[in-house]
Amino acid sequence: MEQLVSASLPSRGSFGALLRAGRHRANLSQEQLAARAELSERTVRDLEAGTGRPRADQFPRPAGS
């Protein structure tokens, strides 16, 4: 997941757009991303569509924090 949301993504845009761009860059389906992130496919779909709100406990903490 750390590779999906990285500094190489555009600095502007919604969380969903950034998540989708990172998922596409990693060549993952929503189902594959959901499995790797231990989220439901519906959660990934909702986050990308902007209808879901990301929670801090859904994502791993960066190394060193």
N, C-alpha and C. Protein backbone atom coordinates (compact mmCIF):
# COMPACT_ATOMS: atom_id res chain seq x y z
N MET A 1 0.83 -1.19 0.00
CA MET A 1 0.00 0.00 0.00
C MET A 1 0.87 1.25 0.00
N GLU A 2 2.01 1.19 0.70
CA GLU A 2 2.87 2.36 0.75
C GLU A 2 3.28 2.81 -0.65
N GLN A 3 3.44 1.86 -1.56
CA GLN A 3 3.85 2.19 -2.92
C GLN A 3 2.73 2.88 -3.68
N LEU A 4 1.48 2.66 -3.27
CA LEU A 4 0.36 3.19 -4.02
C LEU A 4 0.16 4.68 -3.79
N VAL A 5 0.39 5.12 -2.59
CA VAL A 5 0.23 6.54 -2.26
C VAL A 5 1.63 7.07 -1.99
N SER A 6 2.25 7.58 -3.03
CA SER A 6 3.64 7.99 -2.90
C SER A 6 3.84 9.42 -3.36
N ALA A 7 5.03 9.91 -3.11
CA ALA A 7 5.35 11.28 -3.49
C ALA A 7 5.36 11.47 -5.00
N SER A 8 5.41 10.39 -5.76
CA SER A 8 5.44 10.53 -7.21
C SER A 8 4.07 10.81 -7.81
N LEU A 9 3.01 10.74 -7.01
CA LEU A 9 1.67 11.05 -7.50
C LEU A 9 1.46 12.55 -7.52
N PRO A 10 0.52 13.01 -8.29
CA PRO A 10 0.24 14.45 -8.36
C PRO A 10 -0.11 15.00 -6.98
N SER A 11 0.32 16.22 -6.71
CA SER A 11 0.07 16.82 -5.40
C SER A 11 -1.36 17.34 -5.28
N ARG A 12 -2.04 17.52 -6.38
CA ARG A 12 -3.42 18.02 -6.37
C ARG A 12 -4.37 16.89 -6.71
N GLY A 13 -5.58 17.01 -6.22
CA GLY A 13 -6.60 16.03 -6.55
C GLY A 13 -7.18 15.42 -5.29
N SER A 14 -8.29 14.80 -5.47
CA SER A 14 -8.96 14.17 -4.35
C SER A 14 -8.22 12.91 -3.92
N PHE A 15 -8.51 12.47 -2.70
CA PHE A 15 -7.92 11.23 -2.23
C PHE A 15 -8.28 10.09 -3.18
N GLY A 16 -9.54 10.05 -3.60
CA GLY A 16 -9.98 8.98 -4.49
C GLY A 16 -9.21 8.96 -5.80
N ALA A 17 -8.97 10.14 -6.37
CA ALA A 17 -8.22 10.22 -7.62
C ALA A 17 -6.78 9.77 -7.42
N LEU A 18 -6.20 10.14 -6.31
CA LEU A 18 -4.83 9.71 -6.01
C LEU A 18 -4.76 8.20 -5.78
N LEU A 19 -5.75 7.68 -5.07
CA LEU A 19 -5.80 6.24 -4.82
C LEU A 19 -5.94 5.48 -6.14
N ARG A 20 -6.84 5.93 -6.99
CA ARG A 20 -7.06 5.28 -8.28
C ARG A 20 -5.80 5.34 -9.14
N ALA A 21 -5.15 6.50 -9.17
CA ALA A 21 -3.92 6.64 -9.97
C ALA A 21 -2.84 5.69 -9.47
N GLY A 22 -2.71 5.61 -8.16
CA GLY A 22 -1.71 4.69 -7.59
C GLY A 22 -2.05 3.24 -7.87
N ARG A 23 -3.32 2.91 -7.79
CA ARG A 23 -3.76 1.54 -8.08
C ARG A 23 -3.47 1.19 -9.53
N HIS A 24 -3.77 2.11 -10.43
CA HIS A 24 -3.49 1.87 -11.85
C HIS A 24 -1.99 1.76 -12.09
N ARG A 25 -1.23 2.62 -11.44
CA ARG A 25 0.23 2.58 -11.60
C ARG A 25 0.79 1.23 -11.14
N ALA A 26 0.18 0.67 -10.09
CA ALA A 26 0.61 -0.63 -9.57
C ALA A 26 -0.01 -1.78 -10.35
N ASN A 27 -0.85 -1.45 -11.35
CA ASN A 27 -1.52 -2.45 -12.18
C ASN A 27 -2.34 -3.42 -11.33
N LEU A 28 -3.12 -2.86 -10.41
CA LEU A 28 -3.97 -3.67 -9.53
C LEU A 28 -5.43 -3.39 -9.82
N SER A 29 -6.25 -4.42 -9.68
CA SER A 29 -7.69 -4.22 -9.74
C SER A 29 -8.15 -3.73 -8.36
N GLN A 30 -9.37 -3.26 -8.29
CA GLN A 30 -9.91 -2.87 -6.98
C GLN A 30 -9.93 -4.06 -6.05
N GLU A 31 -10.25 -5.21 -6.57
CA GLU A 31 -10.28 -6.44 -5.76
C GLU A 31 -8.89 -6.76 -5.21
N GLN A 32 -7.87 -6.65 -6.05
CA GLN A 32 -6.50 -6.94 -5.61
C GLN A 32 -6.04 -5.93 -4.56
N LEU A 33 -6.33 -4.65 -4.78
CA LEU A 33 -5.95 -3.64 -3.80
C LEU A 33 -6.65 -3.89 -2.47
N ALA A 34 -7.93 -4.21 -2.54
CA ALA A 34 -8.70 -4.47 -1.32
C ALA A 34 -8.07 -5.62 -0.54
N ALA A 35 -7.69 -6.68 -1.22
CA ALA A 35 -7.09 -7.83 -0.55
C ALA A 35 -5.76 -7.44 0.10
N ARG A 36 -4.94 -6.70 -0.61
CA ARG A 36 -3.64 -6.30 -0.07
C ARG A 36 -3.78 -5.34 1.12
N ALA A 37 -4.77 -4.47 1.05
CA ALA A 37 -4.97 -3.47 2.11
C ALA A 37 -5.87 -3.97 3.23
N GLU A 38 -6.36 -5.21 3.07
CA GLU A 38 -7.28 -5.80 4.05
C GLU A 38 -8.52 -4.93 4.24
N LEU A 39 -9.06 -4.48 3.10
CA LEU A 39 -10.29 -3.71 3.05
C LEU A 39 -11.27 -4.46 2.16
N SER A 40 -12.52 -4.09 2.23
CA SER A 40 -13.47 -4.69 1.30
C SER A 40 -13.34 -4.01 -0.06
N GLU A 41 -13.74 -4.73 -1.09
CA GLU A 41 -13.72 -4.15 -2.43
C GLU A 41 -14.66 -2.95 -2.48
N ARG A 42 -15.76 -3.02 -1.77
CA ARG A 42 -16.70 -1.90 -1.73
C ARG A 42 -16.05 -0.66 -1.12
N THR A 43 -15.24 -0.85 -0.08
CA THR A 43 -14.56 0.29 0.54
C THR A 43 -13.62 0.96 -0.45
N VAL A 44 -12.85 0.16 -1.18
CA VAL A 44 -11.94 0.71 -2.19
C VAL A 44 -12.74 1.46 -3.25
N ARG A 45 -13.82 0.87 -3.72
CA ARG A 45 -14.67 1.50 -4.73
C ARG A 45 -15.24 2.83 -4.22
N ASP A 46 -15.73 2.83 -2.97
CA ASP A 46 -16.28 4.04 -2.38
C ASP A 46 -15.22 5.12 -2.19
N LEU A 47 -14.03 4.73 -1.75
CA LEU A 47 -12.95 5.70 -1.57
C LEU A 47 -12.58 6.34 -2.91
N GLU A 48 -12.47 5.53 -3.95
CA GLU A 48 -12.12 6.05 -5.27
C GLU A 48 -13.21 6.97 -5.82
N ALA A 49 -14.45 6.63 -5.53
CA ALA A 49 -15.58 7.43 -6.03
C ALA A 49 -15.81 8.69 -5.21
N GLY A 50 -15.16 8.78 -4.07
CA GLY A 50 -15.35 9.94 -3.21
C GLY A 50 -16.57 9.85 -2.32
N THR A 51 -17.21 8.68 -2.29
CA THR A 51 -18.38 8.50 -1.43
C THR A 51 -18.01 7.91 -0.08
N GLY A 52 -16.78 7.44 0.05
CA GLY A 52 -16.28 6.93 1.33
C GLY A 52 -15.25 7.88 1.88
N ARG A 53 -15.12 7.88 3.19
CA ARG A 53 -14.12 8.74 3.83
C ARG A 53 -13.00 7.88 4.38
N PRO A 54 -11.76 8.19 4.00
CA PRO A 54 -10.64 7.40 4.52
C PRO A 54 -10.47 7.61 6.02
N ARG A 55 -10.15 6.54 6.71
CA ARG A 55 -9.86 6.60 8.15
C ARG A 55 -8.41 6.21 8.37
N ALA A 56 -7.78 6.82 9.34
CA ALA A 56 -6.36 6.58 9.61
C ALA A 56 -6.08 5.09 9.88
N ASP A 57 -7.03 4.40 10.51
CA ASP A 57 -6.79 3.00 10.84
C ASP A 57 -6.90 2.07 9.63
N GLN A 58 -7.27 2.59 8.48
CA GLN A 58 -7.38 1.77 7.27
C GLN A 58 -6.05 1.64 6.52
N PHE A 59 -5.08 2.46 6.89
CA PHE A 59 -3.84 2.50 6.13
C PHE A 59 -2.64 2.35 7.05
N PRO A 60 -1.60 1.67 6.57
CA PRO A 60 -0.41 1.49 7.39
C PRO A 60 0.31 2.82 7.64
N ARG A 61 0.97 2.88 8.78
CA ARG A 61 1.76 4.07 9.09
C ARG A 61 3.07 4.03 8.31
N PRO A 62 3.54 5.19 7.89
CA PRO A 62 4.83 5.23 7.18
C PRO A 62 5.96 4.73 8.09
N ALA A 63 6.96 4.16 7.49
CA ALA A 63 8.11 3.68 8.24
C ALA A 63 8.74 4.82 9.05
N GLY A 64 9.11 4.52 10.26
CA GLY A 64 9.77 5.53 11.10
C GLY A 64 8.83 6.43 11.86
N SER A 65 7.55 6.17 11.80
CA SER A 65 6.63 7.05 12.54
C SER A 65 6.01 6.33 13.72
